[in-house]
Amino acid sequence: MTLQQPILPAVRRMKDLEKLLGSSYVYIVLLDCHVGQLQPIMDLARASGKRMLLHADLVEGLKNDEYAAEFLCQTMRPAGLISTRTGVIAKTKQKGLLAIQRLFLLDSSALEKSYRLLERSRPDYIEVLPGVMPHMIREVKERTGIPILAGGLIRSVRDVEQAIEAGAEAVTTSNADLWKYFDRRNG
């Protein structure tokens, strides 16, 4: 499955989500949310035809484990979950939602360990952070064969273009100026 949009807007506040409801974006990433806010956010997004990708590790009030993933998948029914945890990814896949494993490119040792974990978890997507290293996007995609999302430190249209040219399917960003630019281009 492809997301078919070059930008995945990542929102932290309700005000940001409201700005995106009239946009051409179908998929939106939800960051930093309290568990008590999830249902109204999901209802609002669905009513506007939006499909939410929840960052499971950043939902306050929930532990980021398989049980929280099961709750989110069954009760909130997002389009998918994003997590650094392989157990969350496994539960998300089991429930039939998009599973996006976040991968922080810290150093060579951490990267090699991540490759071994990715062989077992086989997420639907890998979100590579920081997303401003095109050569690493290319390497992770070639090495894993898993579609790549680029995120973190994306500040310009050129950053987005370089990530896409390196093989990323889309770029996650909380930069509203980039949302607007690509929404006008693709809308």
N, C-alpha and C. Protein backbone atom coordinates (compact mmCIF):
# COMPACT_ATOMS: atom_id res chain seq x y z
N MET A 1 0.84 -1.18 0.00
CA MET A 1 0.00 0.00 0.00
C MET A 1 0.88 1.24 0.00
N THR A 2 0.53 2.20 -0.83
CA THR A 2 1.27 3.46 -0.84
C THR A 2 0.39 4.58 -0.29
N LEU A 3 1.03 5.53 0.33
CA LEU A 3 0.31 6.64 0.95
C LEU A 3 -0.13 7.69 -0.07
N GLN A 4 0.57 7.78 -1.17
CA GLN A 4 0.24 8.66 -2.29
C GLN A 4 0.13 10.14 -1.91
N GLN A 5 1.01 10.57 -1.01
CA GLN A 5 1.16 11.99 -0.72
C GLN A 5 2.59 12.21 -0.25
N PRO A 6 3.27 13.23 -0.78
CA PRO A 6 4.69 13.42 -0.46
C PRO A 6 4.93 13.91 0.96
N ILE A 7 3.94 14.53 1.56
CA ILE A 7 4.05 15.07 2.91
C ILE A 7 3.05 14.37 3.81
N LEU A 8 3.51 13.97 4.98
CA LEU A 8 2.62 13.49 6.03
C LEU A 8 2.67 14.55 7.12
N PRO A 9 1.66 15.42 7.15
CA PRO A 9 1.66 16.46 8.18
C PRO A 9 1.61 15.82 9.57
N ALA A 10 2.47 16.29 10.45
CA ALA A 10 2.52 15.77 11.82
C ALA A 10 2.03 16.87 12.77
N VAL A 11 0.93 16.61 13.46
CA VAL A 11 0.31 17.64 14.31
C VAL A 11 0.51 17.32 15.78
N ARG A 12 0.65 18.40 16.54
CA ARG A 12 0.80 18.30 17.99
C ARG A 12 -0.39 18.93 18.71
N ARG A 13 -1.10 19.81 18.04
CA ARG A 13 -2.20 20.55 18.68
C ARG A 13 -3.46 20.46 17.83
N MET A 14 -4.57 20.58 18.51
CA MET A 14 -5.88 20.53 17.85
C MET A 14 -5.98 21.64 16.79
N LYS A 15 -5.43 22.79 17.10
CA LYS A 15 -5.46 23.91 16.16
C LYS A 15 -4.79 23.54 14.83
N ASP A 16 -3.70 22.80 14.90
CA ASP A 16 -3.00 22.36 13.69
C ASP A 16 -3.85 21.35 12.91
N LEU A 17 -4.49 20.44 13.62
CA LEU A 17 -5.35 19.47 12.95
C LEU A 17 -6.50 20.19 12.24
N GLU A 18 -7.09 21.15 12.90
CA GLU A 18 -8.22 21.89 12.30
C GLU A 18 -7.80 22.56 10.99
N LYS A 19 -6.56 23.06 10.93
CA LYS A 19 -6.04 23.69 9.70
C LYS A 19 -5.98 22.69 8.55
N LEU A 20 -5.75 21.43 8.88
CA LEU A 20 -5.56 20.40 7.85
C LEU A 20 -6.86 19.75 7.38
N LEU A 21 -7.95 19.98 8.08
CA LEU A 21 -9.19 19.29 7.75
C LEU A 21 -9.70 19.61 6.35
N GLY A 22 -9.43 20.81 5.87
CA GLY A 22 -9.86 21.19 4.53
C GLY A 22 -8.79 21.00 3.47
N SER A 23 -7.68 20.38 3.83
CA SER A 23 -6.57 20.20 2.90
C SER A 23 -6.79 18.97 2.03
N SER A 24 -5.89 18.78 1.08
CA SER A 24 -5.95 17.60 0.21
C SER A 24 -5.32 16.37 0.87
N TYR A 25 -4.68 16.54 2.02
CA TYR A 25 -4.04 15.42 2.68
C TYR A 25 -5.07 14.43 3.20
N VAL A 26 -4.80 13.15 2.96
CA VAL A 26 -5.66 12.10 3.49
C VAL A 26 -5.07 11.58 4.80
N TYR A 27 -3.75 11.35 4.82
CA TYR A 27 -3.09 10.82 6.00
C TYR A 27 -2.47 11.96 6.81
N ILE A 28 -2.67 11.90 8.12
CA ILE A 28 -2.12 12.89 9.05
C ILE A 28 -1.54 12.13 10.24
N VAL A 29 -0.36 12.55 10.69
CA VAL A 29 0.28 11.94 11.85
C VAL A 29 -0.10 12.73 13.10
N LEU A 30 -0.50 12.02 14.14
CA LEU A 30 -0.83 12.67 15.41
C LEU A 30 0.28 12.40 16.42
N LEU A 31 0.91 13.48 16.89
CA LEU A 31 1.96 13.42 17.90
C LEU A 31 1.42 13.99 19.22
N ASP A 32 2.08 13.68 20.30
CA ASP A 32 1.83 14.33 21.60
C ASP A 32 0.36 14.55 21.92
N CYS A 33 -0.29 13.54 22.36
CA CYS A 33 -1.71 13.62 22.66
C CYS A 33 -1.99 12.91 23.98
N HIS A 34 -2.99 13.37 24.69
CA HIS A 34 -3.44 12.68 25.91
C HIS A 34 -4.50 11.67 25.53
N VAL A 35 -4.48 10.51 26.18
CA VAL A 35 -5.41 9.44 25.85
C VAL A 35 -6.86 9.92 25.90
N GLY A 36 -7.17 10.85 26.78
CA GLY A 36 -8.53 11.38 26.90
C GLY A 36 -8.95 12.23 25.71
N GLN A 37 -8.02 12.71 24.92
CA GLN A 37 -8.32 13.53 23.74
C GLN A 37 -8.48 12.71 22.48
N LEU A 38 -8.07 11.47 22.51
CA LEU A 38 -8.01 10.67 21.28
C LEU A 38 -9.35 10.50 20.58
N GLN A 39 -10.38 10.11 21.31
CA GLN A 39 -11.66 9.83 20.65
C GLN A 39 -12.22 11.04 19.91
N PRO A 40 -12.30 12.23 20.54
CA PRO A 40 -12.80 13.38 19.78
C PRO A 40 -11.93 13.74 18.57
N ILE A 41 -10.61 13.57 18.71
CA ILE A 41 -9.71 13.85 17.58
C ILE A 41 -9.98 12.87 16.45
N MET A 42 -10.08 11.60 16.78
CA MET A 42 -10.34 10.58 15.76
C MET A 42 -11.69 10.82 15.10
N ASP A 43 -12.71 11.16 15.86
CA ASP A 43 -14.04 11.43 15.30
C ASP A 43 -14.01 12.62 14.35
N LEU A 44 -13.33 13.69 14.75
CA LEU A 44 -13.22 14.88 13.90
C LEU A 44 -12.48 14.55 12.60
N ALA A 45 -11.40 13.82 12.71
CA ALA A 45 -10.62 13.46 11.52
C ALA A 45 -11.45 12.60 10.57
N ARG A 46 -12.12 11.59 11.11
CA ARG A 46 -12.95 10.71 10.27
C ARG A 46 -14.06 11.49 9.57
N ALA A 47 -14.69 12.40 10.29
CA ALA A 47 -15.78 13.19 9.71
C ALA A 47 -15.29 14.03 8.53
N SER A 48 -14.00 14.33 8.50
CA SER A 48 -13.42 15.11 7.41
C SER A 48 -12.70 14.24 6.39
N GLY A 49 -12.86 12.94 6.50
CA GLY A 49 -12.25 12.03 5.53
C GLY A 49 -10.76 11.84 5.71
N LYS A 50 -10.24 12.12 6.89
CA LYS A 50 -8.81 11.99 7.15
C LYS A 50 -8.52 10.67 7.83
N ARG A 51 -7.34 10.11 7.54
CA ARG A 51 -6.90 8.85 8.13
C ARG A 51 -5.70 9.16 9.02
N MET A 52 -5.85 8.87 10.30
CA MET A 52 -4.83 9.23 11.27
C MET A 52 -3.81 8.11 11.46
N LEU A 53 -2.56 8.52 11.56
CA LEU A 53 -1.46 7.65 11.94
C LEU A 53 -1.03 8.12 13.33
N LEU A 54 -1.28 7.31 14.34
CA LEU A 54 -0.99 7.70 15.71
C LEU A 54 0.41 7.29 16.11
N HIS A 55 1.12 8.23 16.73
CA HIS A 55 2.42 7.88 17.27
C HIS A 55 2.18 7.30 18.66
N ALA A 56 2.17 5.98 18.74
CA ALA A 56 1.80 5.27 19.97
C ALA A 56 2.71 5.61 21.15
N ASP A 57 3.98 5.89 20.89
CA ASP A 57 4.92 6.18 21.97
C ASP A 57 4.66 7.54 22.62
N LEU A 58 3.91 8.39 21.95
CA LEU A 58 3.69 9.75 22.43
C LEU A 58 2.28 10.01 22.96
N VAL A 59 1.51 8.96 23.15
CA VAL A 59 0.17 9.12 23.73
C VAL A 59 0.32 9.12 25.25
N GLU A 60 0.10 10.29 25.85
CA GLU A 60 0.21 10.39 27.31
C GLU A 60 -0.94 9.63 27.96
N GLY A 61 -0.63 8.94 29.03
CA GLY A 61 -1.64 8.17 29.74
C GLY A 61 -1.68 6.72 29.33
N LEU A 62 -0.86 6.35 28.34
CA LEU A 62 -0.74 4.96 27.91
C LEU A 62 0.73 4.56 27.94
N LYS A 63 0.98 3.37 28.41
CA LYS A 63 2.33 2.82 28.33
C LYS A 63 2.53 2.39 26.87
N ASN A 64 3.72 2.57 26.35
CA ASN A 64 3.95 2.18 24.94
C ASN A 64 4.33 0.70 24.86
N ASP A 65 3.31 -0.15 24.99
CA ASP A 65 3.52 -1.58 24.92
C ASP A 65 2.44 -2.23 24.05
N GLU A 66 2.47 -3.55 23.97
CA GLU A 66 1.53 -4.29 23.12
C GLU A 66 0.07 -4.10 23.55
N TYR A 67 -0.16 -3.94 24.86
CA TYR A 67 -1.52 -3.77 25.36
C TYR A 67 -2.09 -2.42 24.93
N ALA A 68 -1.26 -1.40 25.00
CA ALA A 68 -1.68 -0.08 24.54
C ALA A 68 -1.94 -0.12 23.03
N ALA A 69 -1.08 -0.82 22.30
CA ALA A 69 -1.27 -0.94 20.85
C ALA A 69 -2.59 -1.64 20.55
N GLU A 70 -2.89 -2.69 21.29
CA GLU A 70 -4.16 -3.40 21.08
C GLU A 70 -5.35 -2.48 21.35
N PHE A 71 -5.27 -1.71 22.44
CA PHE A 71 -6.33 -0.75 22.75
C PHE A 71 -6.49 0.28 21.62
N LEU A 72 -5.39 0.85 21.18
CA LEU A 72 -5.46 1.86 20.12
C LEU A 72 -6.03 1.27 18.83
N CYS A 73 -5.58 0.09 18.47
CA CYS A 73 -6.04 -0.55 17.23
C CYS A 73 -7.53 -0.88 17.29
N GLN A 74 -7.97 -1.44 18.42
CA GLN A 74 -9.36 -1.89 18.52
C GLN A 74 -10.34 -0.76 18.83
N THR A 75 -9.94 0.17 19.69
CA THR A 75 -10.86 1.20 20.15
C THR A 75 -10.81 2.46 19.30
N MET A 76 -9.62 2.93 18.99
CA MET A 76 -9.48 4.18 18.22
C MET A 76 -9.51 3.94 16.72
N ARG A 77 -9.10 2.76 16.29
CA ARG A 77 -9.09 2.36 14.88
C ARG A 77 -8.45 3.41 13.96
N PRO A 78 -7.19 3.77 14.22
CA PRO A 78 -6.50 4.67 13.30
C PRO A 78 -6.12 3.92 12.02
N ALA A 79 -5.57 4.63 11.07
CA ALA A 79 -5.05 3.97 9.86
C ALA A 79 -3.81 3.17 10.19
N GLY A 80 -3.06 3.63 11.21
CA GLY A 80 -1.86 2.92 11.59
C GLY A 80 -1.24 3.49 12.84
N LEU A 81 -0.21 2.80 13.33
CA LEU A 81 0.54 3.24 14.50
C LEU A 81 2.01 3.38 14.14
N ILE A 82 2.63 4.37 14.76
CA ILE A 82 4.07 4.61 14.64
C ILE A 82 4.67 4.32 16.00
N SER A 83 5.79 3.60 16.02
CA SER A 83 6.44 3.29 17.29
C SER A 83 7.89 2.89 17.06
N THR A 84 8.69 3.06 18.10
CA THR A 84 10.06 2.56 18.10
C THR A 84 10.10 1.12 18.60
N ARG A 85 9.01 0.65 19.17
CA ARG A 85 8.98 -0.64 19.85
C ARG A 85 8.48 -1.75 18.92
N THR A 86 9.26 -2.82 18.82
CA THR A 86 8.91 -3.92 17.92
C THR A 86 7.64 -4.65 18.38
N GLY A 87 7.38 -4.71 19.68
CA GLY A 87 6.16 -5.34 20.17
C GLY A 87 4.91 -4.59 19.72
N VAL A 88 4.99 -3.27 19.72
CA VAL A 88 3.88 -2.44 19.25
C VAL A 88 3.68 -2.66 17.75
N ILE A 89 4.77 -2.74 17.02
CA ILE A 89 4.70 -2.97 15.57
C ILE A 89 4.06 -4.32 15.29
N ALA A 90 4.47 -5.35 16.02
CA ALA A 90 3.92 -6.69 15.81
C ALA A 90 2.42 -6.72 16.08
N LYS A 91 1.97 -6.09 17.16
CA LYS A 91 0.55 -6.07 17.50
C LYS A 91 -0.23 -5.29 16.45
N THR A 92 0.32 -4.20 15.97
CA THR A 92 -0.33 -3.37 14.96
C THR A 92 -0.53 -4.17 13.67
N LYS A 93 0.51 -4.89 13.26
CA LYS A 93 0.41 -5.73 12.06
C LYS A 93 -0.63 -6.83 12.27
N GLN A 94 -0.63 -7.43 13.44
CA GLN A 94 -1.59 -8.49 13.76
C GLN A 94 -3.03 -7.97 13.63
N LYS A 95 -3.23 -6.71 13.98
CA LYS A 95 -4.57 -6.12 13.93
C LYS A 95 -4.91 -5.57 12.53
N GLY A 96 -3.98 -5.67 11.59
CA GLY A 96 -4.26 -5.29 10.22
C GLY A 96 -4.14 -3.81 9.91
N LEU A 97 -3.48 -3.05 10.77
CA LEU A 97 -3.27 -1.62 10.53
C LEU A 97 -1.86 -1.39 10.01
N LEU A 98 -1.61 -0.21 9.45
CA LEU A 98 -0.26 0.14 9.00
C LEU A 98 0.67 0.21 10.20
N ALA A 99 1.78 -0.46 10.11
CA ALA A 99 2.78 -0.49 11.17
C ALA A 99 4.02 0.25 10.69
N ILE A 100 4.34 1.35 11.37
CA ILE A 100 5.47 2.20 10.98
C ILE A 100 6.47 2.20 12.12
N GLN A 101 7.65 1.62 11.86
CA GLN A 101 8.69 1.55 12.88
C GLN A 101 9.60 2.76 12.74
N ARG A 102 9.73 3.50 13.83
CA ARG A 102 10.61 4.66 13.85
C ARG A 102 12.03 4.21 14.11
N LEU A 103 12.96 4.70 13.32
CA LEU A 103 14.36 4.32 13.40
C LEU A 103 15.22 5.57 13.54
N PHE A 104 15.85 5.71 14.70
CA PHE A 104 16.74 6.84 14.93
C PHE A 104 18.15 6.46 14.50
N LEU A 105 18.72 7.24 13.61
CA LEU A 105 20.06 6.98 13.10
C LEU A 105 21.09 7.63 14.03
N LEU A 106 21.46 6.91 15.09
CA LEU A 106 22.36 7.45 16.09
C LEU A 106 23.82 7.20 15.76
N ASP A 107 24.13 5.93 15.44
CA ASP A 107 25.49 5.56 15.08
C ASP A 107 25.45 4.22 14.36
N SER A 108 26.60 3.76 13.89
CA SER A 108 26.66 2.53 13.10
C SER A 108 26.23 1.31 13.90
N SER A 109 26.59 1.25 15.15
CA SER A 109 26.23 0.11 15.99
C SER A 109 24.71 0.02 16.17
N ALA A 110 24.08 1.15 16.47
CA ALA A 110 22.63 1.18 16.64
C ALA A 110 21.93 0.83 15.33
N LEU A 111 22.50 1.28 14.22
CA LEU A 111 21.90 0.98 12.92
C LEU A 111 21.94 -0.52 12.63
N GLU A 112 23.07 -1.16 12.90
CA GLU A 112 23.18 -2.60 12.67
C GLU A 112 22.20 -3.38 13.56
N LYS A 113 22.07 -2.97 14.80
CA LYS A 113 21.11 -3.60 15.70
C LYS A 113 19.69 -3.41 15.15
N SER A 114 19.40 -2.22 14.65
CA SER A 114 18.08 -1.94 14.08
C SER A 114 17.79 -2.81 12.87
N TYR A 115 18.78 -3.04 12.04
CA TYR A 115 18.58 -3.92 10.88
C TYR A 115 18.16 -5.32 11.32
N ARG A 116 18.78 -5.82 12.37
CA ARG A 116 18.41 -7.15 12.88
C ARG A 116 16.97 -7.15 13.41
N LEU A 117 16.58 -6.11 14.12
CA LEU A 117 15.21 -6.01 14.63
C LEU A 117 14.20 -5.89 13.49
N LEU A 118 14.55 -5.13 12.47
CA LEU A 118 13.65 -4.92 11.33
C LEU A 118 13.43 -6.22 10.56
N GLU A 119 14.44 -7.09 10.53
CA GLU A 119 14.27 -8.39 9.87
C GLU A 119 13.17 -9.20 10.54
N ARG A 120 13.06 -9.07 11.86
CA ARG A 120 12.03 -9.79 12.61
C ARG A 120 10.67 -9.08 12.56
N SER A 121 10.67 -7.77 12.72
CA SER A 121 9.38 -7.05 12.84
C SER A 121 8.73 -6.80 11.47
N ARG A 122 9.52 -6.62 10.44
CA ARG A 122 9.02 -6.38 9.07
C ARG A 122 7.83 -5.40 9.06
N PRO A 123 8.05 -4.16 9.50
CA PRO A 123 6.97 -3.18 9.48
C PRO A 123 6.56 -2.85 8.04
N ASP A 124 5.42 -2.20 7.90
CA ASP A 124 4.97 -1.77 6.57
C ASP A 124 5.82 -0.61 6.06
N TYR A 125 6.27 0.23 6.99
CA TYR A 125 7.12 1.39 6.68
C TYR A 125 8.15 1.54 7.78
N ILE A 126 9.27 2.17 7.42
CA ILE A 126 10.27 2.60 8.39
C ILE A 126 10.33 4.11 8.30
N GLU A 127 10.20 4.78 9.45
CA GLU A 127 10.40 6.22 9.49
C GLU A 127 11.84 6.46 9.94
N VAL A 128 12.66 7.01 9.06
CA VAL A 128 14.07 7.27 9.32
C VAL A 128 14.22 8.68 9.85
N LEU A 129 14.87 8.79 11.03
CA LEU A 129 15.13 10.09 11.64
C LEU A 129 16.61 10.23 11.96
N PRO A 130 17.26 11.33 11.70
CA PRO A 130 16.73 12.48 10.99
C PRO A 130 16.60 12.21 9.49
N GLY A 131 15.64 12.86 8.90
CA GLY A 131 15.32 12.64 7.50
C GLY A 131 16.12 13.47 6.52
N VAL A 132 17.14 14.16 7.01
CA VAL A 132 17.95 15.03 6.15
C VAL A 132 19.26 14.38 5.73
N MET A 133 19.28 13.05 5.75
CA MET A 133 20.47 12.32 5.31
C MET A 133 20.10 11.41 4.15
N PRO A 134 20.06 11.95 2.94
CA PRO A 134 19.63 11.16 1.78
C PRO A 134 20.39 9.85 1.60
N HIS A 135 21.69 9.86 1.83
CA HIS A 135 22.46 8.63 1.64
C HIS A 135 22.02 7.54 2.62
N MET A 136 21.59 7.91 3.81
CA MET A 136 21.12 6.92 4.78
C MET A 136 19.71 6.43 4.44
N ILE A 137 18.88 7.30 3.90
CA ILE A 137 17.55 6.89 3.44
C ILE A 137 17.72 5.82 2.37
N ARG A 138 18.61 6.10 1.43
CA ARG A 138 18.88 5.17 0.33
C ARG A 138 19.40 3.83 0.89
N GLU A 139 20.34 3.89 1.82
CA GLU A 139 20.92 2.66 2.37
C GLU A 139 19.86 1.83 3.10
N VAL A 140 19.07 2.45 3.95
CA VAL A 140 18.07 1.70 4.72
C VAL A 140 17.04 1.07 3.79
N LYS A 141 16.64 1.79 2.77
CA LYS A 141 15.67 1.24 1.82
C LYS A 141 16.26 0.05 1.08
N GLU A 142 17.50 0.20 0.59
CA GLU A 142 18.14 -0.89 -0.16
C GLU A 142 18.39 -2.10 0.73
N ARG A 143 18.79 -1.86 1.94
CA ARG A 143 19.15 -2.96 2.84
C ARG A 143 17.92 -3.72 3.34
N THR A 144 16.81 -3.02 3.55
CA THR A 144 15.63 -3.66 4.14
C THR A 144 14.56 -4.03 3.12
N GLY A 145 14.48 -3.29 2.02
CA GLY A 145 13.40 -3.50 1.05
C GLY A 145 12.06 -3.01 1.55
N ILE A 146 12.05 -2.24 2.63
CA ILE A 146 10.82 -1.72 3.23
C ILE A 146 10.69 -0.25 2.85
N PRO A 147 9.47 0.20 2.47
CA PRO A 147 9.28 1.62 2.13
C PRO A 147 9.69 2.54 3.29
N ILE A 148 10.23 3.68 2.91
CA ILE A 148 10.80 4.62 3.88
C ILE A 148 9.99 5.91 3.95
N LEU A 149 9.81 6.39 5.18
CA LEU A 149 9.33 7.74 5.45
C LEU A 149 10.52 8.47 6.07
N ALA A 150 10.68 9.74 5.74
CA ALA A 150 11.78 10.53 6.31
C ALA A 150 11.18 11.56 7.25
N GLY A 151 11.77 11.73 8.41
CA GLY A 151 11.24 12.70 9.37
C GLY A 151 12.36 13.27 10.21
N GLY A 152 12.09 14.38 10.82
CA GLY A 152 13.06 15.00 11.71
C GLY A 152 14.02 15.92 10.99
N LEU A 153 14.04 17.16 11.43
CA LEU A 153 14.93 18.21 10.91
C LEU A 153 14.64 18.58 9.45
N ILE A 154 13.47 18.25 8.96
CA ILE A 154 13.07 18.64 7.60
C ILE A 154 12.59 20.09 7.69
N ARG A 155 13.34 20.99 7.05
CA ARG A 155 13.03 22.41 7.21
C ARG A 155 12.72 23.14 5.91
N SER A 156 13.00 22.52 4.78
CA SER A 156 12.84 23.25 3.52
C SER A 156 12.25 22.35 2.44
N VAL A 157 11.77 22.98 1.39
CA VAL A 157 11.27 22.24 0.24
C VAL A 157 12.40 21.37 -0.31
N ARG A 158 13.61 21.88 -0.33
CA ARG A 158 14.76 21.11 -0.83
C ARG A 158 15.01 19.87 0.02
N ASP A 159 14.86 19.99 1.35
CA ASP A 159 15.01 18.82 2.23
C ASP A 159 14.00 17.73 1.84
N VAL A 160 12.77 18.15 1.58
CA VAL A 160 11.72 17.20 1.18
C VAL A 160 12.10 16.55 -0.15
N GLU A 161 12.48 17.37 -1.11
CA GLU A 161 12.83 16.86 -2.44
C GLU A 161 14.00 15.88 -2.37
N GLN A 162 15.02 16.20 -1.57
CA GLN A 162 16.18 15.30 -1.46
C GLN A 162 15.79 13.97 -0.82
N ALA A 163 14.92 14.01 0.18
CA ALA A 163 14.48 12.77 0.81
C ALA A 163 13.71 11.90 -0.18
N ILE A 164 12.84 12.52 -0.96
CA ILE A 164 12.04 11.77 -1.96
C ILE A 164 12.97 11.21 -3.04
N GLU A 165 13.90 12.04 -3.51
CA GLU A 165 14.84 11.60 -4.54
C GLU A 165 15.69 10.43 -4.04
N ALA A 166 15.97 10.38 -2.74
CA ALA A 166 16.78 9.30 -2.16
C ALA A 166 15.98 8.02 -1.95
N GLY A 167 14.66 8.10 -2.17
CA GLY A 167 13.86 6.89 -2.06
C GLY A 167 12.77 6.90 -1.01
N ALA A 168 12.64 7.98 -0.26
CA ALA A 168 11.55 8.05 0.72
C ALA A 168 10.23 8.18 -0.02
N GLU A 169 9.23 7.47 0.45
CA GLU A 169 7.91 7.58 -0.16
C GLU A 169 7.23 8.89 0.25
N ALA A 170 7.49 9.32 1.48
CA ALA A 170 6.90 10.56 1.99
C ALA A 170 7.78 11.09 3.10
N VAL A 171 7.49 12.33 3.49
CA VAL A 171 8.22 13.01 4.55
C VAL A 171 7.23 13.40 5.63
N THR A 172 7.54 13.04 6.88
CA THR A 172 6.72 13.50 8.01
C THR A 172 7.31 14.82 8.50
N THR A 173 6.44 15.81 8.69
CA THR A 173 6.93 17.09 9.17
C THR A 173 5.83 17.83 9.93
N SER A 174 6.27 18.57 10.94
CA SER A 174 5.35 19.43 11.67
C SER A 174 5.45 20.88 11.19
N ASN A 175 6.19 21.10 10.11
CA ASN A 175 6.38 22.43 9.54
C ASN A 175 5.16 22.82 8.69
N ALA A 176 4.33 23.71 9.23
CA ALA A 176 3.07 24.10 8.55
C ALA A 176 3.33 24.77 7.21
N ASP A 177 4.45 25.46 7.06
CA ASP A 177 4.76 26.08 5.76
C ASP A 177 4.95 25.02 4.68
N LEU A 178 5.58 23.91 5.04
CA LEU A 178 5.75 22.82 4.08
C LEU A 178 4.42 22.15 3.79
N TRP A 179 3.54 22.02 4.77
CA TRP A 179 2.20 21.46 4.52
C TRP A 179 1.50 22.28 3.45
N LYS A 180 1.51 23.60 3.66
CA LYS A 180 0.80 24.51 2.74
C LYS A 180 1.41 24.44 1.34
N TYR A 181 2.73 24.48 1.25
CA TYR A 181 3.40 24.46 -0.05
C TYR A 181 3.03 23.22 -0.84
N PHE A 182 3.13 22.05 -0.22
CA PHE A 182 2.85 20.81 -0.95
C PHE A 182 1.35 20.56 -1.13
N ASP A 183 0.53 21.11 -0.26
CA ASP A 183 -0.93 20.98 -0.44
C ASP A 183 -1.35 21.76 -1.69
N ARG A 184 -0.81 22.96 -1.87
CA ARG A 184 -1.13 23.76 -3.06
C ARG A 184 -0.62 23.07 -4.32
N ARG A 185 0.57 22.46 -4.23
CA ARG A 185 1.18 21.79 -5.38
C ARG A 185 0.42 20.54 -5.78
N ASN A 186 -0.11 19.84 -4.80
CA ASN A 186 -0.73 18.55 -5.08
C ASN A 186 -2.26 18.56 -4.97
N GLY A 187 -2.81 19.65 -4.51
CA GLY A 187 -4.25 19.69 -4.25
C GLY A 187 -5.09 20.02 -5.44
